[in-house]
Protein backbone atom coordinates (compact mmCIF):
# COMPACT_ATOMS: atom_id res chain seq x y z
CA MET A 1 0.00 0.00 0.00
CA GLN A 2 0.98 3.63 -0.39
CA GLY A 3 1.95 5.96 2.44
CA GLU A 4 -1.68 6.91 3.06
CA LEU A 5 -4.09 4.52 4.73
CA HIS A 6 -7.89 4.83 4.76
CA ILE A 7 -9.83 2.69 7.22
CA GLY A 8 -13.59 2.29 7.47
CA ALA A 9 -15.67 -0.07 9.60
CA ASP A 10 -19.41 -0.63 9.28
CA ALA A 11 -21.74 -3.29 10.67
CA GLU A 12 -20.63 -5.98 8.22
CA LYS A 13 -16.98 -5.40 7.37
CA VAL A 14 -13.74 -3.44 7.78
CA VAL A 15 -12.25 -1.83 4.67
CA VAL A 16 -8.57 -0.85 4.51
CA SER A 17 -7.33 0.94 1.42
CA ALA A 18 -4.62 3.25 0.16
CA TYR A 19 -7.35 5.38 -1.45
CA PRO A 20 -10.34 7.29 -0.03
CA LEU A 21 -13.33 5.06 0.66
CA ARG A 22 -16.70 5.40 -1.03
CA MET A 23 -20.11 4.82 0.50
CA ARG A 24 -22.51 2.21 -0.86
CA GLU A 25 -25.30 3.78 1.16
CA GLY A 26 -25.61 6.17 4.06
CA ARG A 27 -23.07 8.81 5.02
CA ALA A 28 -19.73 8.88 6.83
CA THR A 29 -17.49 11.40 8.57
CA ARG A 30 -13.71 11.53 8.29
CA ARG A 31 -11.11 11.76 11.02
CA ARG A 32 -7.53 12.20 9.85
CA THR A 33 -4.56 11.58 12.11
CA GLY A 34 -1.17 11.72 10.45
CA SER A 35 -1.23 9.52 7.37
CA VAL A 36 -4.26 7.51 8.56
CA THR A 37 -7.82 8.60 7.74
CA GLU A 38 -10.66 6.86 9.55
CA PHE A 39 -14.13 6.85 8.01
CA LEU A 40 -16.90 6.65 10.60
CA PRO A 41 -20.44 5.78 9.42
CA ALA A 42 -22.94 8.43 10.47
CA LEU A 43 -26.04 7.41 12.39
CA PRO A 44 -29.24 7.19 10.29
CA SER A 45 -31.38 10.31 10.41
CA GLY A 46 -34.44 8.29 11.44
CA ARG A 47 -36.74 10.10 9.02
CA SER A 48 -39.48 7.85 7.64
CA ARG A 49 -40.57 7.94 4.00
CA GLU A 50 -43.68 9.90 5.01
CA ALA A 51 -41.57 12.51 6.79
CA ARG A 52 -39.28 12.86 3.78
CA ILE A 53 -42.26 13.28 1.47
CA ALA A 54 -43.67 16.01 3.74
CA ILE A 55 -40.36 17.89 3.72
CA ALA A 56 -40.04 17.53 -0.05
CA CYS A 57 -43.58 18.85 -0.54
CA ARG A 58 -42.92 21.93 1.59
CA VAL A 59 -39.71 22.65 -0.30
CA ALA A 60 -41.45 22.08 -3.66
CA LEU A 61 -44.19 24.53 -2.70
CA SER A 62 -41.60 27.16 -1.80
CA LEU A 63 -39.77 26.60 -5.08
CA MET A 64 -43.01 26.94 -7.02
CA VAL A 65 -43.66 30.30 -5.37
CA VAL A 66 -40.15 31.48 -6.21
CA THR A 67 -40.51 30.26 -9.80
CA ALA A 68 -43.85 32.08 -10.16
CA PHE A 69 -42.34 35.27 -8.74
CA LEU A 70 -39.40 35.14 -11.14
CA TYR A 71 -41.75 34.48 -14.05
CA ALA A 72 -43.83 37.51 -13.04
CA THR A 73 -40.70 39.66 -13.12
CA GLY A 74 -39.96 38.60 -16.68
CA VAL A 75 -37.58 35.69 -16.16
CA PRO A 76 -38.36 32.73 -18.47
CA TRP A 77 -40.06 30.03 -16.38
CA LEU A 78 -38.03 27.13 -17.83
CA LEU A 79 -34.71 28.01 -16.16
CA PRO A 80 -35.99 28.36 -12.56
CA ALA A 81 -38.25 25.34 -13.06
CA LEU A 82 -35.28 23.17 -14.09
CA ALA A 83 -33.19 24.51 -11.19
CA SER A 84 -36.04 23.78 -8.77
CA ALA A 85 -36.50 20.23 -10.09
CA THR A 86 -32.75 19.56 -9.84
CA GLY A 87 -32.56 20.92 -6.29
CA LEU A 88 -35.60 18.91 -5.24
CA THR A 89 -34.12 15.72 -6.68
CA LEU A 90 -30.80 16.27 -4.89
CA LEU A 91 -32.62 16.99 -1.62
CA TRP A 92 -34.65 13.78 -1.90
CA ARG A 93 -31.57 11.69 -2.65
CA ARG A 94 -29.69 13.24 0.25
CA MET A 95 -32.53 12.61 2.71
CA ALA A 96 -33.00 9.03 1.47
CA ARG A 97 -29.27 8.36 1.82
CA ALA A 98 -29.10 9.88 5.29
CA SER A 99 -32.01 7.71 6.47
CA ARG A 100 -30.07 4.46 5.89
CA PRO A 101 -27.18 3.01 7.96
CA GLY A 102 -23.76 3.72 6.51
CA ARG A 103 -22.25 0.96 4.36
CA PHE A 104 -18.87 1.21 2.64
CA ALA A 105 -18.43 0.13 -0.95
CA VAL A 106 -15.94 -2.67 -1.59
CA PRO A 107 -12.88 -1.24 -3.41
CA ALA A 108 -12.18 -2.69 -6.84
CA ASP A 109 -8.36 -2.55 -6.62
CA ASP A 110 -6.26 -5.52 -5.53
CA GLU A 111 -4.30 -3.61 -2.90
CA SER A 112 -7.29 -2.92 -0.66
CA ARG A 113 -8.26 -5.35 2.09
CA VAL A 114 -11.79 -6.20 3.20
CA LEU A 115 -12.25 -8.07 6.47
CA TRP A 116 -15.58 -9.90 6.69
CA SER A 117 -15.04 -12.48 9.44
CA GLU A 118 -15.77 -11.27 12.95
CA PRO A 119 -12.52 -12.43 14.70
CA GLU A 120 -10.33 -10.61 12.18
CA ARG A 121 -12.54 -7.52 12.27
CA VAL A 122 -12.46 -7.35 16.07
CA ALA A 123 -8.68 -7.82 16.20
CA TYR A 124 -8.05 -5.14 13.59
CA GLU A 125 -10.42 -2.64 15.17
CA ARG A 126 -8.60 -3.17 18.47
CA ALA A 127 -5.29 -2.49 16.71
CA VAL A 128 -6.69 0.78 15.30
CA THR A 129 -7.81 1.76 18.81
CA VAL A 130 -4.33 1.04 20.18
CA SER A 131 -2.80 3.10 17.36
CA ARG A 132 -4.83 6.09 18.56
CA ARG A 133 -3.38 5.62 22.06
CA ILE A 134 0.11 5.57 20.56
CA ARG A 135 -0.44 8.77 18.62
CA ARG A 136 -1.73 10.57 21.71
CA THR A 137 1.63 10.06 23.42
CA TRP A 138 3.71 11.63 20.65
CA PRO A 139 3.20 15.32 21.52
CA ALA A 140 4.76 14.72 24.94
CA LEU A 141 7.74 12.79 23.51
CA PRO A 142 9.23 15.26 21.00
CA ASP A 143 12.85 14.66 22.06
CA MET A 144 12.56 10.87 22.09
CA ILE A 145 10.94 10.01 18.77
CA ASP A 146 10.60 11.52 15.31
CA PRO A 147 6.82 11.93 14.75
CA VAL A 148 7.21 11.66 10.97
CA THR A 149 9.16 8.40 11.17
CA ALA A 150 6.88 7.04 13.89
CA ASP A 151 3.79 7.90 11.85
CA ARG A 152 5.21 6.13 8.81
CA SER A 153 6.08 3.05 10.88
CA LEU A 154 2.68 2.93 12.54
CA THR A 155 0.83 3.29 9.23
CA ARG A 156 2.93 0.55 7.66
CA ALA A 157 2.23 -1.71 10.66
CA LEU A 158 -1.53 -1.19 10.27
CA GLY A 159 -1.30 -1.90 6.54
CA ASP A 160 0.72 -5.09 7.11
CA LEU A 161 -1.71 -6.20 9.79
CA ALA A 162 -4.67 -5.70 7.42
CA ALA A 163 -2.92 -7.91 4.84
CA GLN A 164 -2.28 -10.58 7.46
CA MET A 165 -5.88 -10.48 8.67
CA ALA A 166 -7.23 -10.74 5.11
CA ARG A 167 -4.99 -13.73 4.48
CA ARG A 168 -6.01 -15.26 7.79
CA GLN A 169 -9.74 -15.03 7.06
CA GLU A 170 -9.19 -16.85 3.77
CA ILE A 171 -7.25 -19.56 5.59
CA ARG A 172 -10.07 -19.73 8.14
CA ARG A 173 -12.59 -20.32 5.35
CA LEU A 174 -10.45 -23.00 3.69
CA ARG A 175 -9.74 -24.64 7.05
CA ALA A 176 -13.47 -24.88 7.79
CA GLU A 177 -14.15 -26.39 4.35
CA LEU A 178 -11.47 -29.06 4.81
CA GLN A 179 -12.69 -29.90 8.29
CA ASP A 180 -16.25 -30.37 7.01
CA VAL A 181 -15.17 -33.09 4.56
CA ARG A 182 -16.22 -36.55 5.79
CA GLU A 183 -14.17 -39.65 4.98
CA GLN A 184 -16.67 -42.27 6.18
CA GLY A 185 -16.74 -45.31 3.95
CA VAL A 186 -13.42 -44.47 2.29
CA PRO A 187 -10.34 -46.60 3.09
CA GLY A 188 -7.79 -44.80 5.23
CA ASP A 189 -5.00 -45.52 2.73
CA SER A 190 -6.97 -44.05 -0.16
CA PRO A 191 -4.98 -41.45 -2.19
CA ALA A 192 -7.89 -39.02 -1.79
CA VAL A 193 -7.86 -39.36 2.00
CA LEU A 194 -4.08 -39.01 2.13
CA ALA A 195 -4.23 -35.91 -0.08
CA LEU A 196 -6.92 -34.42 2.16
CA ALA A 197 -4.80 -35.05 5.25
CA ALA A 198 -1.80 -33.41 3.57
CA GLN A 199 -3.83 -30.32 2.68
CA ARG A 200 -5.19 -30.10 6.21
CA GLU A 201 -1.66 -30.21 7.55
CA ARG A 202 -0.55 -27.43 5.20
CA VAL A 203 -3.52 -25.26 6.10
CA GLU A 204 -2.94 -25.80 9.81
CA LYS A 205 0.69 -24.76 9.41
CA LEU A 206 -0.35 -21.57 7.59
CA TRP A 207 -2.99 -20.95 10.26
CA LEU A 208 -0.34 -21.01 13.01
CA GLU A 209 2.14 -18.94 11.00
CA THR A 210 -0.37 -16.16 10.30
CA ALA A 211 -1.45 -16.19 13.94
CA GLU A 212 2.14 -15.66 15.08
CA SER A 213 2.73 -12.93 12.49
CA ALA A 214 -0.44 -11.05 13.41
CA ASN A 215 0.19 -11.43 17.13
CA ARG A 216 3.69 -10.06 16.69
CA VAL A 217 2.29 -6.84 15.20
CA LEU A 218 -0.38 -6.61 17.91
CA ARG A 219 2.20 -7.12 20.65
CA SER A 220 4.41 -4.40 19.17
CA LEU A 221 1.50 -1.95 19.09
CA ASP A 222 0.55 -2.79 22.68
CA ALA A 223 4.16 -2.44 23.83
CA ALA A 224 4.55 0.99 22.20
CA ALA A 225 1.27 2.23 23.69
CA ARG A 226 2.06 0.95 27.19
CA ALA A 227 5.62 2.28 27.13
CA GLY A 228 4.56 5.76 26.07
CA GLU A 229 1.64 5.94 28.52
CA THR A 230 3.74 4.63 31.42
CA PHE A 231 6.45 7.17 30.69
CA LEU A 232 3.92 10.02 30.63
CA ARG A 233 2.34 8.88 33.91
CA GLU A 234 5.73 8.73 35.59
CA GLN A 235 6.57 12.15 34.18
CA ARG A 236 3.39 13.60 35.71
CA ILE A 237 4.18 11.91 39.04
CA SER A 238 7.69 13.32 38.94
CA ASP A 239 6.40 16.82 38.19
CA THR A 240 3.93 16.55 41.09
CA ALA A 241 6.65 15.39 43.46
CA ARG A 242 8.94 18.21 42.33
CA ALA A 243 6.21 20.79 42.89
CA ALA A 244 5.54 19.34 46.36
CA GLU A 245 9.24 19.55 47.15
CA GLN A 246 9.28 23.24 46.31
CA VAL A 247 6.27 23.89 48.53
CA LEU A 248 7.79 21.91 51.41
CA ALA A 249 11.05 23.82 51.05
CA THR A 250 9.19 27.03 51.85
CA LEU A 251 7.40 25.43 54.80
CA VAL A 252 10.45 23.69 56.28
CA PRO A 253 13.49 25.75 55.29
CA ASN A 254 16.04 23.53 57.06
CA ALA A 255 14.66 20.22 55.81
CA ASP A 256 16.82 17.93 53.73
CA PRO A 257 16.13 17.88 49.99
CA ILE A 258 13.36 15.48 49.02
CA GLU A 259 13.67 13.18 46.05
CA ALA A 260 11.83 14.60 43.06
CA GLY A 261 10.09 11.32 42.23
CA PRO A 262 11.01 8.29 40.15
CA GLU A 263 13.99 8.67 37.87
CA LEU A 264 12.67 8.84 34.32
CA ALA A 265 15.96 8.20 32.58
CA THR A 266 15.67 4.46 33.16
CA ARG A 267 12.31 4.46 31.38
CA THR A 268 13.53 6.41 28.35
CA GLU A 269 15.30 3.40 26.86
CA ALA A 270 12.18 1.26 27.32
CA VAL A 271 10.07 3.73 25.37
CA ILE A 272 12.64 4.03 22.59
CA SER A 273 12.97 0.24 22.41
CA ALA A 274 9.20 -0.14 22.05
CA TYR A 275 9.10 2.27 19.12
CA ARG A 276 12.14 0.67 17.51
CA GLU A 277 10.37 -2.68 17.65
CA LEU A 278 7.39 -1.09 15.93
CA GLU A 279 9.58 0.33 13.15
CA VAL A 280 10.94 -3.08 12.14
CA ILE A 281 7.46 -4.54 11.50
């Protein structure tokens, strides 16, 4: 995939593409963070067909009055009538589209990934949620990481994970088909039975390999999020302890200096290591 990543999740699937997503029905809002754009289906408007007809009738009546007024002033009636009909058609289509739940269209290109199976969808949506946690830590870590490089690494990790999940759902489907085959009444040394057993073994091996590959990406994302959040919490604790020390110094002038809180230098390497692990995905 390209440097940009567009992610959309509706009630039936998750779509991951290098290009902006299109809606099959309904509407969606966009939320861009770095090189990742998330498409969020908008809630249906809830307007019934009767309510939409009533609104369209009121608008049509208003347009008829405007058209009649323009005609009375000498404007040819055809132009405002065509404009009114076009506007009314667009309004009806917009209201009808807004009344339905949002559904993303399936991209036609081969680079895009569409996750249909629930386990893969849930795992990928959790990874996207963790990626938001990672990005929220970056503003407080300007001297430790390069946001541009980190953004590129995180986007590539999400793209690789989408490819792994798409591959895994296909293996899941094939695995279920092979497991449903019954060999009753067929000799155990039959070439067909032996070939089936060989294919089952190959599929099981791929199933375990893709699980390990996907889990490696998920573990890297979790590690980067936890490392950054832990570092920020310790930083806030240290700042609080330092502020308390300054207040106590004014209250007890002769008191010995108080430790300013946990030493953050030992945590710096842990945070950097977590992001380095993410970059090699």
